Amino acid sequence: MANALRFIIVPKVCHPVRRGNKGAQAQAEILSRELGVEIVVDYMPPSVADVAEQNAILEKAARLARVASL
């Protein structure tokens, strides 16, 4: 697939069931097939509900996105 979209889910804290991640992954597969565009969903939960850890995850994701776009 020529184009790709990447979404990053950073929930408040990692939950054992991870329904949000499962639903996002399933929808990404459906949309990828329908639109002909690769859709990637990265689930990046913090180990504890901590704003500083969430921010660190978001900053890491932003750095990775910048590197990938080069």
N, C-alpha and C. Protein backbone atom coordinates (compact mmCIF):
# COMPACT_ATOMS: atom_id res chain seq x y z
N MET A 1 0.84 -1.17 0.00
CA MET A 1 0.00 0.00 0.00
C MET A 1 0.88 1.24 0.00
N ALA A 2 0.55 2.19 -0.83
CA ALA A 2 1.40 3.35 -1.00
C ALA A 2 1.37 4.29 0.20
N ASN A 3 0.21 4.54 0.73
CA ASN A 3 0.08 5.47 1.85
C ASN A 3 -0.12 4.71 3.15
N ALA A 4 0.23 5.36 4.24
CA ALA A 4 0.04 4.73 5.54
C ALA A 4 -0.40 5.79 6.55
N LEU A 5 -1.26 5.38 7.45
CA LEU A 5 -1.69 6.24 8.56
C LEU A 5 -1.35 5.53 9.85
N ARG A 6 -0.83 6.27 10.82
CA ARG A 6 -0.48 5.68 12.11
C ARG A 6 -1.20 6.46 13.20
N PHE A 7 -1.87 5.71 14.07
CA PHE A 7 -2.56 6.28 15.21
C PHE A 7 -1.94 5.69 16.47
N ILE A 8 -1.80 6.52 17.48
CA ILE A 8 -1.22 6.07 18.74
C ILE A 8 -2.24 6.29 19.84
N ILE A 9 -2.54 5.23 20.56
CA ILE A 9 -3.47 5.29 21.68
C ILE A 9 -2.65 5.29 22.96
N VAL A 10 -2.82 6.35 23.76
CA VAL A 10 -2.15 6.44 25.06
C VAL A 10 -3.25 6.58 26.11
N PRO A 11 -3.73 5.46 26.64
CA PRO A 11 -4.77 5.53 27.65
C PRO A 11 -4.21 6.02 28.98
N LYS A 12 -5.10 6.25 29.92
CA LYS A 12 -4.68 6.72 31.24
C LYS A 12 -3.77 5.70 31.92
N VAL A 13 -4.11 4.43 31.76
CA VAL A 13 -3.31 3.35 32.36
C VAL A 13 -3.63 2.06 31.61
N CYS A 14 -2.74 1.11 31.65
CA CYS A 14 -2.96 -0.17 30.99
C CYS A 14 -4.04 -0.95 31.73
N HIS A 15 -5.05 -1.34 31.02
CA HIS A 15 -6.14 -2.13 31.60
C HIS A 15 -6.03 -3.55 31.05
N PRO A 16 -6.21 -4.56 31.86
CA PRO A 16 -6.03 -5.94 31.40
C PRO A 16 -6.91 -6.34 30.21
N VAL A 17 -8.11 -5.78 30.13
CA VAL A 17 -9.03 -6.17 29.05
C VAL A 17 -8.64 -5.51 27.72
N ARG A 18 -8.22 -4.28 27.74
CA ARG A 18 -7.76 -3.54 26.56
C ARG A 18 -8.80 -3.50 25.44
N ARG A 19 -10.05 -3.28 25.79
CA ARG A 19 -11.12 -3.23 24.78
C ARG A 19 -10.88 -2.14 23.75
N GLY A 20 -10.41 -0.98 24.21
CA GLY A 20 -10.18 0.12 23.28
C GLY A 20 -9.16 -0.25 22.22
N ASN A 21 -8.11 -0.95 22.62
CA ASN A 21 -7.09 -1.38 21.67
C ASN A 21 -7.65 -2.42 20.70
N LYS A 22 -8.39 -3.37 21.23
CA LYS A 22 -8.96 -4.42 20.36
C LYS A 22 -9.90 -3.82 19.33
N GLY A 23 -10.73 -2.89 19.76
CA GLY A 23 -11.66 -2.23 18.83
C GLY A 23 -10.94 -1.40 17.79
N ALA A 24 -9.91 -0.67 18.22
CA ALA A 24 -9.14 0.16 17.29
C ALA A 24 -8.42 -0.70 16.26
N GLN A 25 -7.85 -1.83 16.70
CA GLN A 25 -7.16 -2.73 15.77
C GLN A 25 -8.14 -3.32 14.75
N ALA A 26 -9.31 -3.72 15.22
CA ALA A 26 -10.31 -4.29 14.32
C ALA A 26 -10.78 -3.25 13.30
N GLN A 27 -11.03 -2.04 13.75
CA GLN A 27 -11.48 -0.99 12.82
C GLN A 27 -10.37 -0.63 11.84
N ALA A 28 -9.13 -0.62 12.29
CA ALA A 28 -8.02 -0.32 11.39
C ALA A 28 -7.94 -1.35 10.26
N GLU A 29 -8.16 -2.62 10.58
CA GLU A 29 -8.16 -3.66 9.55
C GLU A 29 -9.27 -3.44 8.54
N ILE A 30 -10.45 -3.11 9.02
CA ILE A 30 -11.60 -2.88 8.13
C ILE A 30 -11.32 -1.69 7.22
N LEU A 31 -10.88 -0.59 7.80
CA LEU A 31 -10.62 0.61 7.00
C LEU A 31 -9.46 0.41 6.03
N SER A 32 -8.45 -0.34 6.44
CA SER A 32 -7.33 -0.62 5.53
C SER A 32 -7.82 -1.32 4.28
N ARG A 33 -8.67 -2.32 4.47
CA ARG A 33 -9.22 -3.05 3.31
C ARG A 33 -10.10 -2.15 2.45
N GLU A 34 -10.99 -1.40 3.09
CA GLU A 34 -11.94 -0.57 2.35
C GLU A 34 -11.28 0.60 1.62
N LEU A 35 -10.29 1.20 2.24
CA LEU A 35 -9.66 2.40 1.68
C LEU A 35 -8.39 2.12 0.89
N GLY A 36 -7.84 0.92 1.05
CA GLY A 36 -6.60 0.61 0.37
C GLY A 36 -5.41 1.37 0.93
N VAL A 37 -5.49 1.71 2.20
CA VAL A 37 -4.43 2.46 2.88
C VAL A 37 -4.03 1.67 4.12
N GLU A 38 -2.74 1.52 4.33
CA GLU A 38 -2.28 0.84 5.53
C GLU A 38 -2.59 1.72 6.75
N ILE A 39 -3.25 1.14 7.73
CA ILE A 39 -3.55 1.86 8.97
C ILE A 39 -2.95 1.07 10.12
N VAL A 40 -2.10 1.75 10.87
CA VAL A 40 -1.40 1.12 11.98
C VAL A 40 -1.87 1.80 13.27
N VAL A 41 -2.21 1.00 14.27
CA VAL A 41 -2.60 1.52 15.57
C VAL A 41 -1.61 0.99 16.60
N ASP A 42 -0.91 1.90 17.24
CA ASP A 42 0.03 1.54 18.30
C ASP A 42 -0.63 1.82 19.65
N TYR A 43 -0.69 0.83 20.51
CA TYR A 43 -1.25 0.96 21.85
C TYR A 43 -0.08 1.11 22.80
N MET A 44 0.04 2.28 23.42
CA MET A 44 1.20 2.59 24.25
C MET A 44 0.75 3.07 25.63
N PRO A 45 0.28 2.16 26.47
CA PRO A 45 -0.20 2.58 27.80
C PRO A 45 0.95 2.77 28.79
N PRO A 46 0.78 3.71 29.71
CA PRO A 46 1.75 3.83 30.80
C PRO A 46 1.53 2.69 31.79
N SER A 47 2.54 2.39 32.56
CA SER A 47 2.40 1.31 33.54
C SER A 47 1.57 1.74 34.75
N VAL A 48 1.55 3.04 35.02
CA VAL A 48 0.73 3.60 36.09
C VAL A 48 0.04 4.86 35.57
N ALA A 49 -1.05 5.24 36.22
CA ALA A 49 -1.77 6.46 35.83
C ALA A 49 -0.96 7.67 36.29
N ASP A 50 -0.11 8.16 35.42
CA ASP A 50 0.79 9.26 35.78
C ASP A 50 0.96 10.18 34.57
N VAL A 51 0.66 11.45 34.77
CA VAL A 51 0.72 12.41 33.67
C VAL A 51 2.13 12.50 33.09
N ALA A 52 3.14 12.49 33.92
CA ALA A 52 4.52 12.59 33.43
C ALA A 52 4.86 11.40 32.54
N GLU A 53 4.42 10.21 32.93
CA GLU A 53 4.70 9.03 32.10
C GLU A 53 3.93 9.09 30.78
N GLN A 54 2.67 9.56 30.83
CA GLN A 54 1.90 9.72 29.60
C GLN A 54 2.59 10.72 28.67
N ASN A 55 3.05 11.83 29.22
CA ASN A 55 3.74 12.83 28.41
C ASN A 55 5.01 12.26 27.79
N ALA A 56 5.75 11.47 28.55
CA ALA A 56 6.97 10.86 28.03
C ALA A 56 6.65 9.93 26.86
N ILE A 57 5.56 9.19 26.98
CA ILE A 57 5.14 8.29 25.89
C ILE A 57 4.78 9.11 24.66
N LEU A 58 4.03 10.20 24.84
CA LEU A 58 3.64 11.05 23.71
C LEU A 58 4.86 11.68 23.04
N GLU A 59 5.82 12.13 23.85
CA GLU A 59 7.04 12.71 23.29
C GLU A 59 7.83 11.68 22.49
N LYS A 60 7.91 10.46 23.02
CA LYS A 60 8.60 9.38 22.31
C LYS A 60 7.89 9.10 20.98
N ALA A 61 6.57 9.04 21.00
CA ALA A 61 5.81 8.79 19.78
C ALA A 61 6.03 9.90 18.76
N ALA A 62 6.08 11.14 19.23
CA ALA A 62 6.31 12.27 18.32
C ALA A 62 7.70 12.18 17.69
N ARG A 63 8.71 11.81 18.49
CA ARG A 63 10.07 11.65 17.93
C ARG A 63 10.09 10.55 16.88
N LEU A 64 9.44 9.43 17.17
CA LEU A 64 9.40 8.33 16.21
C LEU A 64 8.69 8.74 14.93
N ALA A 65 7.63 9.52 15.06
CA ALA A 65 6.90 9.99 13.88
C ALA A 65 7.77 10.91 13.02
N ARG A 66 8.54 11.78 13.68
CA ARG A 66 9.42 12.68 12.93
C ARG A 66 10.49 11.87 12.18
N VAL A 67 11.07 10.89 12.83
CA VAL A 67 12.10 10.07 12.21
C VAL A 67 11.51 9.29 11.03
N ALA A 68 10.32 8.76 11.21
CA ALA A 68 9.68 7.96 10.16
C ALA A 68 9.33 8.80 8.94
N SER A 69 9.08 10.10 9.14
CA SER A 69 8.69 10.96 8.02
C SER A 69 9.88 11.48 7.22
N LEU A 70 11.09 11.25 7.72
CA LEU A 70 12.29 11.72 7.00
C LEU A 70 12.61 10.89 5.80
